[in-house]
Amino acid sequence: MYINFEKYKSITNSYHCKLFLQKSIFGLYIKITSMMDNYTIKYTLSWESINISKTDLIEEVIKLMCEKLIKSKDLYKIGRCDYCGESNRILRTSPFMADMGTMMCEHC
C-alpha cells in the first residue's frame, strides 16, 4: 500500500508537530511530536481498518492525534508539585475542591 507521506506531513505542520510514519506487519505506526516541547503521542492503525474505511482514515486519525496532543498539553503541565515539592514533574490540577488551583504530580 502506497502512503503519501508529504500529504500527511502537511497536516501536522499546521499544528506545529512532527510526523513519523512506519509500516509494519501489524499496521501503520503513527508518532506525532510537538515541535515546541517534544511531547509525543503514538498510535498503530491496523491495515484492516485502513482498507475497510471509506474515508481517508489515516488523515482523520492524524488530525485527531494532533488535537489530542494540543488538548493534553493544556491538561498536563511540567513543574513543581504543590503537594510533595518535587520539581520537573508532570502535573495536573488537584481533584480536591479544598485545594482548587494547586497542582499535583502523578505520585501524589
N, C-alpha and C. Protein backbone atom coordinates (compact mmCIF):
# COMPACT_ATOMS: atom_id res chain seq x y z
N MET A 1 0.83 -1.18 0.00
CA MET A 1 0.00 0.00 0.00
C MET A 1 0.89 1.25 0.00
N TYR A 2 0.61 2.15 -0.92
CA TYR A 2 1.37 3.40 -1.03
C TYR A 2 0.78 4.43 -0.07
N ILE A 3 1.64 5.11 0.68
CA ILE A 3 1.21 6.16 1.59
C ILE A 3 1.94 7.43 1.22
N ASN A 4 1.17 8.48 0.94
CA ASN A 4 1.73 9.77 0.56
C ASN A 4 2.13 10.53 1.83
N PHE A 5 3.37 10.37 2.23
CA PHE A 5 3.87 10.97 3.47
C PHE A 5 3.75 12.48 3.46
N GLU A 6 4.04 13.12 2.35
CA GLU A 6 4.01 14.58 2.26
C GLU A 6 2.61 15.13 2.52
N LYS A 7 1.60 14.41 2.07
CA LYS A 7 0.21 14.83 2.29
C LYS A 7 -0.09 14.90 3.78
N TYR A 8 0.31 13.88 4.51
CA TYR A 8 0.03 13.81 5.94
C TYR A 8 0.95 14.73 6.74
N LYS A 9 2.15 14.94 6.23
CA LYS A 9 3.10 15.83 6.89
C LYS A 9 2.56 17.26 6.88
N SER A 10 1.88 17.65 5.80
CA SER A 10 1.33 19.00 5.71
C SER A 10 0.24 19.22 6.76
N ILE A 11 -0.47 18.16 7.16
CA ILE A 11 -1.50 18.28 8.20
C ILE A 11 -0.84 18.62 9.53
N THR A 12 0.21 17.89 9.88
CA THR A 12 0.85 18.10 11.18
C THR A 12 1.60 19.43 11.24
N ASN A 13 2.06 19.93 10.09
CA ASN A 13 2.75 21.22 10.09
C ASN A 13 1.84 22.34 10.57
N SER A 14 0.56 22.28 10.22
CA SER A 14 -0.37 23.33 10.65
C SER A 14 -0.60 23.28 12.16
N TYR A 15 -0.35 22.14 12.80
CA TYR A 15 -0.47 22.01 14.25
C TYR A 15 0.88 22.23 14.95
N HIS A 16 1.92 22.55 14.21
CA HIS A 16 3.29 22.71 14.73
C HIS A 16 3.80 21.41 15.35
N CYS A 17 3.61 20.31 14.62
CA CYS A 17 4.03 18.99 15.08
C CYS A 17 4.85 18.29 14.01
N LYS A 18 5.67 17.32 14.43
CA LYS A 18 6.43 16.48 13.50
C LYS A 18 5.74 15.13 13.40
N LEU A 19 5.74 14.57 12.21
CA LEU A 19 5.08 13.30 11.95
C LEU A 19 6.10 12.23 11.61
N PHE A 20 5.90 11.04 12.17
CA PHE A 20 6.72 9.88 11.86
C PHE A 20 5.76 8.74 11.53
N LEU A 21 5.90 8.16 10.34
CA LEU A 21 5.09 7.02 9.92
C LEU A 21 6.00 5.84 9.65
N GLN A 22 5.58 4.65 10.08
CA GLN A 22 6.36 3.44 9.82
C GLN A 22 5.40 2.28 9.55
N LYS A 23 5.65 1.59 8.44
CA LYS A 23 4.83 0.42 8.09
C LYS A 23 5.36 -0.81 8.83
N SER A 24 4.44 -1.65 9.27
CA SER A 24 4.82 -2.93 9.87
C SER A 24 3.78 -3.96 9.46
N ILE A 25 4.00 -5.20 9.86
CA ILE A 25 3.02 -6.24 9.52
C ILE A 25 1.70 -6.02 10.27
N PHE A 26 1.74 -5.32 11.38
CA PHE A 26 0.55 -5.08 12.19
C PHE A 26 -0.28 -3.92 11.66
N GLY A 27 0.36 -2.96 11.04
CA GLY A 27 -0.34 -1.79 10.55
C GLY A 27 0.60 -0.62 10.37
N LEU A 28 0.03 0.56 10.43
CA LEU A 28 0.79 1.78 10.25
C LEU A 28 1.02 2.41 11.62
N TYR A 29 2.29 2.53 12.00
CA TYR A 29 2.68 3.14 13.27
C TYR A 29 2.78 4.64 13.04
N ILE A 30 2.03 5.40 13.84
CA ILE A 30 2.00 6.86 13.71
C ILE A 30 2.55 7.47 15.00
N LYS A 31 3.51 8.36 14.86
CA LYS A 31 4.06 9.07 16.02
C LYS A 31 4.07 10.55 15.69
N ILE A 32 3.47 11.35 16.57
CA ILE A 32 3.40 12.79 16.37
C ILE A 32 4.06 13.45 17.57
N THR A 33 4.97 14.38 17.30
CA THR A 33 5.71 15.07 18.35
C THR A 33 5.52 16.57 18.21
N SER A 34 5.22 17.23 19.32
CA SER A 34 5.08 18.68 19.34
C SER A 34 6.45 19.31 19.11
N MET A 35 6.53 20.30 18.22
CA MET A 35 7.80 20.96 17.95
C MET A 35 8.18 21.93 19.06
N MET A 36 7.23 22.31 19.90
CA MET A 36 7.50 23.28 20.95
C MET A 36 8.11 22.65 22.19
N ASP A 37 7.59 21.48 22.60
CA ASP A 37 8.07 20.90 23.86
C ASP A 37 8.39 19.41 23.77
N ASN A 38 8.43 18.86 22.56
CA ASN A 38 8.77 17.46 22.30
C ASN A 38 7.84 16.45 22.97
N TYR A 39 6.62 16.85 23.33
CA TYR A 39 5.63 15.92 23.86
C TYR A 39 5.20 15.02 22.71
N THR A 40 5.11 13.70 22.95
CA THR A 40 4.86 12.73 21.88
C THR A 40 3.62 11.91 22.15
N ILE A 41 2.90 11.60 21.08
CA ILE A 41 1.75 10.71 21.14
C ILE A 41 1.91 9.67 20.03
N LYS A 42 1.55 8.39 20.32
CA LYS A 42 1.76 7.30 19.36
C LYS A 42 0.49 6.48 19.19
N TYR A 43 0.35 5.87 18.00
CA TYR A 43 -0.81 5.02 17.73
C TYR A 43 -0.47 4.09 16.57
N THR A 44 -1.00 2.86 16.61
CA THR A 44 -0.86 1.93 15.49
C THR A 44 -2.23 1.70 14.89
N LEU A 45 -2.35 2.01 13.63
CA LEU A 45 -3.60 1.86 12.88
C LEU A 45 -3.51 0.57 12.07
N SER A 46 -4.44 -0.35 12.29
CA SER A 46 -4.38 -1.66 11.61
C SER A 46 -4.65 -1.51 10.12
N TRP A 47 -4.02 -2.39 9.33
CA TRP A 47 -4.23 -2.38 7.88
C TRP A 47 -5.68 -2.68 7.56
N GLU A 48 -6.29 -3.56 8.33
CA GLU A 48 -7.68 -3.93 8.09
C GLU A 48 -8.60 -2.71 8.20
N SER A 49 -8.42 -1.91 9.23
CA SER A 49 -9.26 -0.72 9.40
C SER A 49 -8.99 0.30 8.29
N ILE A 50 -7.75 0.41 7.85
CA ILE A 50 -7.43 1.33 6.75
C ILE A 50 -8.12 0.89 5.47
N ASN A 51 -8.09 -0.41 5.19
CA ASN A 51 -8.69 -0.94 3.95
C ASN A 51 -10.22 -0.89 3.96
N ILE A 52 -10.83 -1.08 5.13
CA ILE A 52 -12.30 -1.09 5.24
C ILE A 52 -12.88 0.31 5.13
N SER A 53 -12.16 1.29 5.65
CA SER A 53 -12.67 2.65 5.73
C SER A 53 -12.97 3.23 4.36
N LYS A 54 -14.10 3.95 4.27
CA LYS A 54 -14.49 4.60 3.02
C LYS A 54 -13.92 6.01 2.92
N THR A 55 -13.39 6.51 4.04
CA THR A 55 -12.75 7.83 4.05
C THR A 55 -11.24 7.64 4.21
N ASP A 56 -10.52 8.72 4.19
CA ASP A 56 -9.08 8.65 4.41
C ASP A 56 -8.85 8.55 5.92
N LEU A 57 -8.85 7.33 6.43
CA LEU A 57 -8.75 7.08 7.85
C LEU A 57 -7.42 7.57 8.43
N ILE A 58 -6.36 7.46 7.67
CA ILE A 58 -5.05 7.92 8.15
C ILE A 58 -5.10 9.42 8.42
N GLU A 59 -5.67 10.17 7.51
CA GLU A 59 -5.79 11.62 7.68
C GLU A 59 -6.63 11.96 8.91
N GLU A 60 -7.75 11.28 9.08
CA GLU A 60 -8.62 11.54 10.23
C GLU A 60 -7.93 11.24 11.54
N VAL A 61 -7.21 10.12 11.60
CA VAL A 61 -6.51 9.73 12.83
C VAL A 61 -5.40 10.73 13.15
N ILE A 62 -4.67 11.18 12.14
CA ILE A 62 -3.60 12.15 12.36
C ILE A 62 -4.17 13.46 12.90
N LYS A 63 -5.29 13.92 12.34
CA LYS A 63 -5.93 15.15 12.83
C LYS A 63 -6.37 14.99 14.28
N LEU A 64 -7.00 13.85 14.59
CA LEU A 64 -7.45 13.60 15.96
C LEU A 64 -6.27 13.54 16.93
N MET A 65 -5.17 12.90 16.50
CA MET A 65 -3.99 12.81 17.36
C MET A 65 -3.40 14.19 17.62
N CYS A 66 -3.35 15.04 16.60
CA CYS A 66 -2.83 16.40 16.78
C CYS A 66 -3.70 17.19 17.75
N GLU A 67 -5.02 17.07 17.61
CA GLU A 67 -5.92 17.77 18.51
C GLU A 67 -5.78 17.24 19.93
N LYS A 68 -5.63 15.93 20.08
CA LYS A 68 -5.44 15.34 21.40
C LYS A 68 -4.13 15.81 22.02
N LEU A 69 -3.09 15.90 21.20
CA LEU A 69 -1.80 16.38 21.69
C LEU A 69 -1.90 17.80 22.22
N ILE A 70 -2.61 18.65 21.51
CA ILE A 70 -2.79 20.04 21.93
C ILE A 70 -3.61 20.10 23.22
N LYS A 71 -4.69 19.33 23.30
CA LYS A 71 -5.53 19.34 24.49
C LYS A 71 -4.81 18.75 25.70
N SER A 72 -4.01 17.70 25.49
CA SER A 72 -3.31 17.09 26.62
C SER A 72 -2.23 18.01 27.16
N LYS A 73 -1.66 18.84 26.30
CA LYS A 73 -0.66 19.80 26.79
C LYS A 73 -1.33 20.85 27.65
N ASP A 74 -2.61 21.15 27.39
CA ASP A 74 -3.33 22.10 28.22
C ASP A 74 -3.71 21.47 29.57
N LEU A 75 -3.93 20.17 29.58
CA LEU A 75 -4.33 19.47 30.80
C LEU A 75 -3.16 19.22 31.73
N TYR A 76 -2.04 18.80 31.17
CA TYR A 76 -0.87 18.46 31.99
C TYR A 76 0.22 19.50 31.80
N LYS A 77 0.86 19.87 32.88
CA LYS A 77 1.95 20.82 32.86
C LYS A 77 3.20 20.17 33.45
N ILE A 78 4.34 20.77 33.23
CA ILE A 78 5.58 20.31 33.87
C ILE A 78 6.04 21.40 34.81
N GLY A 79 6.29 21.00 36.05
CA GLY A 79 6.70 21.99 37.03
C GLY A 79 6.88 21.38 38.41
N ARG A 80 6.65 22.21 39.44
CA ARG A 80 6.83 21.79 40.83
C ARG A 80 5.49 21.39 41.43
N CYS A 81 5.45 20.21 42.05
CA CYS A 81 4.23 19.69 42.69
C CYS A 81 3.97 20.48 43.98
N ASP A 82 2.73 20.93 44.15
CA ASP A 82 2.36 21.68 45.34
C ASP A 82 2.20 20.78 46.57
N TYR A 83 2.14 19.47 46.36
CA TYR A 83 1.96 18.55 47.49
C TYR A 83 3.31 18.04 48.03
N CYS A 84 4.17 17.52 47.15
CA CYS A 84 5.44 16.95 47.63
C CYS A 84 6.64 17.89 47.42
N GLY A 85 6.49 18.91 46.58
CA GLY A 85 7.56 19.88 46.36
C GLY A 85 8.59 19.47 45.32
N GLU A 86 8.44 18.29 44.70
CA GLU A 86 9.40 17.84 43.68
C GLU A 86 9.25 18.68 42.42
N SER A 87 10.39 19.01 41.80
CA SER A 87 10.40 19.81 40.57
C SER A 87 10.47 18.91 39.34
N ASN A 88 10.20 19.48 38.18
CA ASN A 88 10.24 18.80 36.88
C ASN A 88 9.34 17.57 36.86
N ARG A 89 8.15 17.70 37.38
CA ARG A 89 7.15 16.63 37.40
C ARG A 89 6.04 16.96 36.41
N ILE A 90 5.40 15.89 35.88
CA ILE A 90 4.21 16.09 35.08
C ILE A 90 3.07 16.32 36.06
N LEU A 91 2.39 17.46 35.92
CA LEU A 91 1.39 17.87 36.89
C LEU A 91 0.01 17.98 36.26
N ARG A 92 -0.99 17.87 37.12
CA ARG A 92 -2.36 18.17 36.74
C ARG A 92 -3.00 18.92 37.89
N THR A 93 -4.14 19.54 37.63
CA THR A 93 -4.79 20.26 38.72
C THR A 93 -5.28 19.28 39.76
N SER A 94 -5.30 19.71 41.01
CA SER A 94 -5.72 18.87 42.12
C SER A 94 -7.21 18.54 41.98
N PRO A 95 -7.60 17.29 42.23
CA PRO A 95 -9.02 16.91 42.13
C PRO A 95 -9.83 17.31 43.37
N PHE A 96 -9.18 17.83 44.39
CA PHE A 96 -9.86 18.15 45.64
C PHE A 96 -10.39 19.58 45.62
N MET A 97 -11.65 19.74 45.97
CA MET A 97 -12.30 21.06 45.97
C MET A 97 -11.59 22.04 46.92
N ALA A 98 -11.12 21.55 48.05
CA ALA A 98 -10.47 22.43 49.02
C ALA A 98 -9.12 22.96 48.51
N ASP A 99 -8.54 22.27 47.54
CA ASP A 99 -7.22 22.65 47.02
C ASP A 99 -7.30 23.19 45.60
N MET A 100 -8.37 23.85 45.26
CA MET A 100 -8.52 24.39 43.90
C MET A 100 -7.36 25.31 43.57
N GLY A 101 -6.81 25.15 42.38
CA GLY A 101 -5.70 25.98 41.93
C GLY A 101 -4.33 25.40 42.22
N THR A 102 -4.26 24.30 42.96
CA THR A 102 -2.97 23.67 43.23
C THR A 102 -2.70 22.59 42.20
N MET A 103 -1.42 22.26 42.03
CA MET A 103 -1.01 21.26 41.05
C MET A 103 -0.48 20.01 41.77
N MET A 104 -0.80 18.86 41.20
CA MET A 104 -0.44 17.57 41.82
C MET A 104 0.28 16.70 40.79
N CYS A 105 1.37 16.03 41.24
CA CYS A 105 2.10 15.12 40.35
C CYS A 105 1.45 13.74 40.37
N GLU A 106 1.88 12.87 39.46
CA GLU A 106 1.28 11.54 39.35
C GLU A 106 1.52 10.68 40.58
N HIS A 107 2.57 10.95 41.34
CA HIS A 107 2.88 10.14 42.52
C HIS A 107 2.03 10.53 43.73
N CYS A 108 1.61 11.76 43.79
CA CYS A 108 0.78 12.22 44.92
C CYS A 108 -0.67 11.87 44.68
